[in-house]
Amino acid sequence: MANKEAEKILKDDLGVKSLRSFPRDITIAYNDSKHILTMTLLPKAVGLGKGDAVNMQDNAAAFEAWCFIIKAKTSIDDLKIKLDVEGLTSDMYDKDIPSTGHFGRFLYRILKFKEQYGTWFFLSDELEDMRKNFADFLSSGKFVNNEPSKEAEDDEDALGTEGYVEKRFCDDDSLGKLILGFSGENVVINRQLPVGLFKGEKSDGTAVFTGKKSAIDFWLLYNNELNIYELKANNKMVGILTEIFFYSNYMRDVYWHNSLETKQNVRICNTQKTDRSYNKLCNGIKNITKITGCILADEFHPLITDAVISIMNHNGTENELQYDKKQYDLKIDIPVHKKE
């Protein structure tokens, strides 16, 4: 259902047209004199409150995507966006392991988003308190990632459409590397890289982010660059932007710099196994100079324009983090079709 009040504000006050898909579960208000748009999420969209948490790529949770899109489409050049959460109080988080992995990812996302887009993005007082507490938590602890425990699923009959397409991009007998713009023997590519984070040691009770099936779709290492990919097939959604933002920052902080909040306090689990080319990634990432987070789809949501990607790339990381989008043809580029 369309958010009629939000549509009116976006169209009449901000000059944003054709945004009928803005979610009804996000409320917005606009201060015309200060050019501040306040975006308020529901508690379940950040991993708090009753009921199941909403995944970060869901329309109601993907605040990063909507911020980028609104900034790209507005006629207000100096528009600032403020983020809030309904019913939030500062004492809901106090410098400890977050209550849920979804909430932990949200805290990390607001931390990195304000850090990189703070010229036009800021937080409510309660969220700012939480952000500072989470930054203190990260700077005062030691953390570890979770490495792949086995090879990714290889049975094509067991994979969904996106899993099948992802596999075909990484298979040696496919044209995946060429489609992505890479060739040669030095290209290392593999899929399903876990993105969990734990304090001290790996256990259910020390998880900071969601684990288990939470993973980067696939990654490609070539010379001094690491590309990571969020892939969609027959699935147009704006939340792909939120996913690639989180995964790109995770790879930059956890794998590349081994650093959370300026402290080199992340230990990468580096076993002697070769599951999913993990050892090649751990060794090769030490020498990279850039991470590119690429969204890859057969068809993008029409709101994901080149202007959106341009705004994402103005992030103050001195080009350590860049973003790109590539489109593929599901019928032509993925020649072997999954059995139904």
Protein backbone atom coordinates (compact mmCIF):
# COMPACT_ATOMS: atom_id res chain seq x y z
CA MET A 1 0.00 0.00 0.00
CA ALA A 2 1.32 3.42 -0.89
CA ASN A 3 2.33 5.91 1.77
CA LYS A 4 0.09 8.84 0.72
CA GLU A 5 1.36 11.31 3.33
CA ALA A 6 4.98 10.52 2.48
CA GLU A 7 4.23 10.84 -1.24
CA LYS A 8 2.77 14.30 -0.69
CA ILE A 9 5.83 15.50 1.27
CA LEU A 10 8.26 14.00 -1.20
CA LYS A 11 6.49 15.42 -4.24
CA ASP A 12 5.26 18.81 -3.01
CA ASP A 13 8.06 19.79 -0.61
CA LEU A 14 11.12 18.02 -1.98
CA GLY A 15 10.33 17.85 -5.69
CA VAL A 16 10.73 14.08 -5.69
CA LYS A 17 8.49 12.55 -8.32
CA SER A 18 7.60 8.95 -9.14
CA LEU A 19 8.29 7.55 -5.68
CA ARG A 20 5.02 5.70 -5.13
CA SER A 21 6.88 2.67 -3.78
CA PHE A 22 8.04 4.49 -0.64
CA PRO A 23 7.09 2.11 2.22
CA ARG A 24 4.13 2.91 4.44
CA ASP A 25 6.05 1.55 7.47
CA ILE A 26 8.49 4.47 7.30
CA THR A 27 7.02 7.81 8.37
CA ILE A 28 8.53 11.10 7.28
CA ALA A 29 8.22 14.74 8.29
CA TYR A 30 9.77 17.81 6.71
CA ASN A 31 11.06 21.02 8.27
CA ASP A 32 10.87 23.49 5.41
CA SER A 33 12.81 26.29 7.13
CA LYS A 34 15.81 24.05 7.91
CA HIS A 35 15.47 21.71 4.91
CA ILE A 36 15.52 18.64 7.18
CA LEU A 37 13.63 15.47 6.30
CA THR A 38 13.08 13.18 9.31
CA MET A 39 12.70 9.50 8.50
CA THR A 40 11.29 7.32 11.31
CA LEU A 41 11.53 3.52 11.27
CA LEU A 42 9.52 0.98 13.27
CA PRO A 43 11.36 -0.87 16.08
CA LYS A 44 11.11 -4.22 14.27
CA ALA A 45 12.91 -2.69 11.28
CA VAL A 46 16.05 -2.25 13.41
CA GLY A 47 15.85 -5.57 15.28
CA LEU A 48 13.99 -4.32 18.37
CA GLY A 49 10.47 -4.70 19.69
CA LYS A 50 8.02 -7.54 19.48
CA GLY A 51 7.72 -9.95 16.57
CA ASP A 52 10.23 -11.08 14.01
CA ALA A 53 12.91 -8.62 12.97
CA VAL A 54 12.73 -7.20 9.47
CA ASN A 55 15.71 -8.04 7.28
CA MET A 56 17.84 -5.02 6.38
CA GLN A 57 17.04 -5.33 2.66
CA ASP A 58 13.29 -5.04 3.27
CA ASN A 59 11.71 -1.77 2.14
CA ALA A 60 10.77 -0.88 5.72
CA ALA A 61 14.35 -1.29 7.00
CA ALA A 62 16.55 -0.15 4.10
CA PHE A 63 16.99 3.45 5.23
CA GLU A 64 20.30 3.78 3.35
CA ALA A 65 18.62 2.97 0.04
CA TRP A 66 15.84 5.53 0.57
CA CYS A 67 18.34 8.18 1.67
CA PHE A 68 20.40 7.70 -1.49
CA ILE A 69 17.33 7.69 -3.71
CA ILE A 70 15.77 10.80 -2.15
CA LYS A 71 19.06 12.70 -2.31
CA ALA A 72 19.42 11.75 -5.98
CA LYS A 73 15.90 12.86 -6.90
CA THR A 74 15.22 15.92 -4.73
CA SER A 75 15.23 19.47 -6.04
CA ILE A 76 16.45 20.72 -2.61
CA ASP A 77 20.21 20.95 -3.03
CA ASP A 78 21.02 21.29 0.66
CA LEU A 79 18.54 18.68 1.93
CA LYS A 80 19.59 16.95 5.14
CA ILE A 81 18.09 13.67 6.33
CA LYS A 82 17.59 12.76 9.98
CA LEU A 83 16.97 9.16 11.06
CA ASP A 84 14.86 8.16 14.05
CA VAL A 85 13.14 5.04 15.40
CA GLU A 86 9.65 5.06 16.85
CA GLY A 87 9.52 4.79 20.66
CA LEU A 88 13.30 4.64 21.02
CA THR A 89 15.02 5.53 24.30
CA SER A 90 18.76 5.82 24.83
CA ASP A 91 18.83 3.13 27.53
CA MET A 92 17.82 0.44 25.02
CA TYR A 93 21.52 -0.05 24.25
CA ASP A 94 24.48 0.45 26.59
CA LYS A 95 27.95 -0.56 25.33
CA ASP A 96 27.41 -4.32 25.24
CA ILE A 97 26.70 -7.11 22.78
CA PRO A 98 23.49 -6.07 20.99
CA SER A 99 20.32 -7.89 21.96
CA THR A 100 19.93 -9.34 18.45
CA GLY A 101 22.17 -9.73 15.42
CA HIS A 102 19.76 -7.62 13.38
CA PHE A 103 20.07 -4.80 15.92
CA GLY A 104 23.85 -5.19 15.87
CA ARG A 105 23.93 -4.79 12.11
CA PHE A 106 21.68 -1.73 12.38
CA LEU A 107 24.01 -0.08 14.91
CA TYR A 108 26.98 -0.76 12.63
CA ARG A 109 25.08 0.62 9.64
CA ILE A 110 24.20 3.92 11.33
CA LEU A 111 27.78 4.17 12.59
CA LYS A 112 29.27 3.82 9.10
CA PHE A 113 26.54 5.81 7.35
CA LYS A 114 27.00 8.86 9.54
CA GLU A 115 30.78 8.53 9.29
CA GLN A 116 30.68 8.51 5.48
CA TYR A 117 27.67 10.72 4.66
CA GLY A 118 27.60 13.00 7.70
CA THR A 119 27.60 16.17 5.60
CA TRP A 120 23.90 15.55 4.95
CA PHE A 121 22.86 12.70 7.28
CA PHE A 122 22.42 12.75 11.05
CA LEU A 123 20.65 10.89 13.84
CA SER A 124 18.05 11.65 16.50
CA ASP A 125 19.47 12.29 19.97
CA GLU A 126 18.57 8.77 21.09
CA LEU A 127 20.15 7.14 18.06
CA GLU A 128 23.23 9.34 18.41
CA ASP A 129 23.64 8.12 21.99
CA MET A 130 23.39 4.54 20.77
CA ARG A 131 25.85 5.19 17.98
CA LYS A 132 28.41 6.54 20.44
CA ASN A 133 27.86 3.61 22.81
CA PHE A 134 28.29 1.11 19.99
CA ALA A 135 31.47 2.86 18.84
CA ASP A 136 32.79 2.56 22.42
CA PHE A 137 31.82 -1.12 22.47
CA LEU A 138 33.70 -1.79 19.24
CA SER A 139 36.80 0.16 20.28
CA SER A 140 37.05 -1.53 23.68
CA GLY A 141 36.75 -5.18 22.62
CA LYS A 142 38.40 -7.85 20.50
CA PHE A 143 36.45 -9.56 17.74
CA VAL A 144 36.57 -12.50 15.38
CA ASN A 145 34.83 -13.31 12.09
CA ASN A 146 33.33 -16.62 11.00
CA GLU A 147 35.00 -18.45 8.15
CA PRO A 148 33.29 -20.86 5.74
CA SER A 149 32.90 -24.30 7.30
CA LYS A 150 32.33 -26.17 4.04
CA GLU A 151 32.01 -25.56 0.32
CA ALA A 152 28.94 -23.69 -0.93
CA GLU A 153 25.96 -25.73 -2.13
CA ASP A 154 26.80 -27.27 -5.50
CA ASP A 155 23.63 -29.19 -6.30
CA GLU A 156 21.82 -27.09 -8.89
CA ASP A 157 18.52 -28.79 -8.15
CA ALA A 158 18.75 -27.63 -4.54
CA LEU A 159 19.44 -24.00 -5.40
CA GLY A 160 16.86 -21.30 -5.91
CA THR A 161 17.03 -19.06 -8.96
CA GLU A 162 19.44 -16.55 -7.45
CA GLY A 163 21.63 -19.28 -5.98
CA TYR A 164 21.82 -20.96 -9.36
CA VAL A 165 22.73 -17.73 -11.18
CA GLU A 166 25.33 -16.94 -8.53
CA LYS A 167 26.88 -20.38 -9.02
CA ARG A 168 26.97 -19.96 -12.79
CA PHE A 169 28.83 -16.65 -12.46
CA CYS A 170 31.51 -18.41 -10.42
CA ASP A 171 31.79 -21.70 -12.35
CA ASP A 172 35.00 -22.23 -14.31
CA ASP A 173 33.06 -23.26 -17.41
CA SER A 174 30.91 -20.13 -17.49
CA LEU A 175 31.50 -16.69 -18.98
CA GLY A 176 30.94 -15.07 -15.59
CA LYS A 177 34.38 -13.50 -15.24
CA LEU A 178 34.22 -12.00 -18.73
CA ILE A 179 30.74 -10.61 -18.11
CA LEU A 180 32.09 -8.94 -14.98
CA GLY A 181 35.01 -7.50 -16.95
CA PHE A 182 37.83 -9.73 -15.74
CA SER A 183 39.98 -12.36 -17.44
CA GLY A 184 43.23 -14.22 -16.91
CA GLU A 185 44.65 -16.81 -14.54
CA ASN A 186 45.07 -14.36 -11.66
CA VAL A 187 41.32 -13.97 -11.13
CA VAL A 188 40.09 -15.63 -7.92
CA ILE A 189 36.32 -15.89 -7.56
CA ASN A 190 34.09 -17.71 -5.10
CA ARG A 191 30.75 -17.41 -3.38
CA GLN A 192 28.86 -17.33 -0.10
CA LEU A 193 31.32 -15.58 2.22
CA PRO A 194 29.95 -15.41 5.80
CA VAL A 195 29.66 -11.95 7.38
CA GLY A 196 29.27 -12.78 11.05
CA LEU A 197 31.08 -10.97 13.83
CA PHE A 198 31.67 -12.21 17.38
CA LYS A 199 33.16 -10.69 20.50
CA GLY A 200 36.17 -12.65 21.75
CA GLU A 201 35.18 -16.07 20.45
CA LYS A 202 32.55 -17.61 18.24
CA SER A 203 29.38 -18.67 20.04
CA ASP A 204 25.68 -17.94 19.98
CA GLY A 205 26.07 -15.73 23.04
CA THR A 206 28.88 -13.59 21.59
CA ALA A 207 27.32 -12.82 18.18
CA VAL A 208 27.31 -9.13 17.28
CA PHE A 209 25.82 -9.60 13.80
CA THR A 210 23.54 -12.27 12.37
CA GLY A 211 25.40 -15.40 11.31
CA LYS A 212 24.54 -18.73 9.72
CA LYS A 213 23.12 -17.91 6.26
CA SER A 214 24.19 -14.24 6.29
CA ALA A 215 26.76 -14.08 3.50
CA ILE A 216 28.10 -12.08 0.58
CA ASP A 217 26.76 -13.65 -2.63
CA PHE A 218 30.17 -13.83 -4.27
CA TRP A 219 33.50 -12.02 -4.44
CA LEU A 220 36.30 -11.59 -6.95
CA LEU A 221 39.94 -10.84 -6.20
CA TYR A 222 42.14 -9.54 -9.01
CA ASN A 223 45.58 -8.00 -8.49
CA ASN A 224 45.08 -5.17 -6.00
CA GLU A 225 41.30 -4.93 -6.10
CA LEU A 226 38.53 -6.81 -4.33
CA ASN A 227 35.05 -6.78 -5.85
CA ILE A 228 32.08 -8.05 -3.88
CA TYR A 229 28.70 -8.69 -5.46
CA GLU A 230 25.11 -8.62 -4.31
CA LEU A 231 23.12 -10.47 -6.96
CA LYS A 232 19.42 -10.44 -7.78
CA ALA A 233 17.52 -12.45 -10.38
CA ASN A 234 13.88 -11.66 -11.16
CA ASN A 235 13.92 -9.60 -8.00
CA LYS A 236 13.81 -5.80 -8.35
CA MET A 237 14.33 -4.19 -4.94
CA VAL A 238 15.89 -1.02 -3.57
CA GLY A 239 17.22 -2.91 -0.53
CA ILE A 240 20.08 -4.25 -2.64
CA LEU A 241 21.76 -0.88 -1.93
CA THR A 242 21.58 -1.41 1.83
CA GLU A 243 23.00 -4.92 1.49
CA ILE A 244 26.00 -3.87 -0.60
CA PHE A 245 26.67 -0.93 1.76
CA PHE A 246 26.81 -3.21 4.79
CA TYR A 247 28.87 -5.93 3.09
CA SER A 248 31.38 -3.46 1.61
CA ASN A 249 32.00 -1.79 4.95
CA TYR A 250 32.26 -5.16 6.66
CA MET A 251 34.96 -6.29 4.23
CA ARG A 252 36.86 -3.02 4.56
CA ASP A 253 36.85 -3.02 8.37
CA VAL A 254 36.98 -6.71 9.27
CA TYR A 255 39.05 -8.32 6.51
CA TRP A 256 41.16 -5.51 5.06
CA HIS A 257 41.99 -3.26 8.03
CA ASN A 258 41.19 -5.75 10.84
CA SER A 259 40.04 -2.62 12.61
CA LEU A 260 36.85 -1.49 14.32
CA GLU A 261 36.71 2.13 15.43
CA THR A 262 40.40 2.83 14.76
CA LYS A 263 41.58 -0.11 16.88
CA GLN A 264 43.23 -3.06 15.12
CA ASN A 265 41.16 -5.50 17.11
CA VAL A 266 39.78 -8.07 14.65
CA ARG A 267 41.24 -11.54 14.32
CA ILE A 268 40.55 -13.25 11.01
CA CYS A 269 40.03 -16.99 11.29
CA ASN A 270 42.52 -18.27 8.74
CA THR A 271 42.55 -22.03 8.60
CA GLN A 272 44.62 -24.15 6.24
CA LYS A 273 41.49 -25.27 4.44
CA THR A 274 40.67 -24.08 0.94
CA ASP A 275 36.89 -23.95 1.34
CA ARG A 276 35.46 -21.32 -1.03
CA SER A 277 39.02 -20.06 -1.79
CA TYR A 278 39.00 -18.56 1.71
CA ASN A 279 42.76 -18.86 2.19
CA LYS A 280 43.40 -17.02 -1.09
CA LEU A 281 41.10 -14.23 0.04
CA CYS A 282 42.78 -13.89 3.44
CA ASN A 283 46.23 -13.77 1.89
CA GLY A 284 45.38 -11.59 -1.11
CA ILE A 285 43.33 -8.94 0.67
CA LYS A 286 46.41 -7.68 2.51
CA ASN A 287 47.68 -6.06 -0.69
CA ILE A 288 44.50 -4.52 -2.09
CA THR A 289 44.00 -0.79 -2.57
CA LYS A 290 40.25 -0.67 -3.18
CA ILE A 291 37.01 -2.52 -2.52
CA THR A 292 34.22 -2.17 -5.05
CA GLY A 293 30.75 -3.17 -3.95
CA CYS A 294 28.80 -4.08 -7.07
CA ILE A 295 25.07 -4.66 -7.36
CA LEU A 296 24.36 -7.18 -10.10
CA ALA A 297 20.91 -7.83 -11.53
CA ASP A 298 19.07 -8.82 -14.68
CA GLU A 299 16.80 -5.83 -14.06
CA PHE A 300 17.15 -3.05 -11.50
CA HIS A 301 14.46 -1.21 -9.63
CA PRO A 302 13.89 1.96 -11.70
CA LEU A 303 14.81 4.14 -8.72
CA ILE A 304 18.38 2.79 -8.72
CA THR A 305 19.95 5.24 -11.15
CA ASP A 306 23.50 6.26 -11.97
CA ALA A 307 22.91 9.37 -9.85
CA VAL A 308 22.29 7.12 -6.84
CA ILE A 309 25.59 5.29 -7.38
CA SER A 310 27.37 8.66 -7.72
CA ILE A 311 26.07 9.78 -4.33
CA MET A 312 27.17 6.49 -2.77
CA ASN A 313 30.68 7.05 -4.10
CA HIS A 314 31.02 10.46 -2.41
CA ASN A 315 31.69 8.80 0.92
CA GLY A 316 34.92 10.25 2.30
CA THR A 317 36.85 6.97 2.28
CA GLU A 318 39.51 8.30 -0.14
CA ASN A 319 38.28 5.82 -2.76
CA GLU A 320 38.89 2.80 -0.52
CA LEU A 321 35.18 2.04 -0.96
CA GLN A 322 33.48 2.46 -4.31
CA TYR A 323 30.19 1.20 -5.70
CA ASP A 324 29.05 0.08 -9.14
CA LYS A 325 26.12 -1.61 -10.83
CA LYS A 326 26.14 -4.12 -13.64
CA GLN A 327 23.25 -5.63 -15.53
CA TYR A 328 23.24 -9.07 -17.11
CA ASP A 329 20.86 -10.90 -19.41
CA LEU A 330 19.35 -13.87 -17.60
CA LYS A 331 18.63 -15.72 -20.86
CA ILE A 332 21.86 -14.98 -22.72
CA ASP A 333 24.55 -14.60 -20.05
CA ILE A 334 23.39 -17.60 -18.00
CA PRO A 335 23.20 -20.18 -20.78
CA VAL A 336 22.57 -23.32 -18.74
CA HIS A 337 19.08 -23.12 -17.34
CA LYS A 338 18.15 -24.44 -13.93
CA LYS A 339 15.84 -27.43 -13.90
CA GLU A 340 12.42 -26.74 -12.52
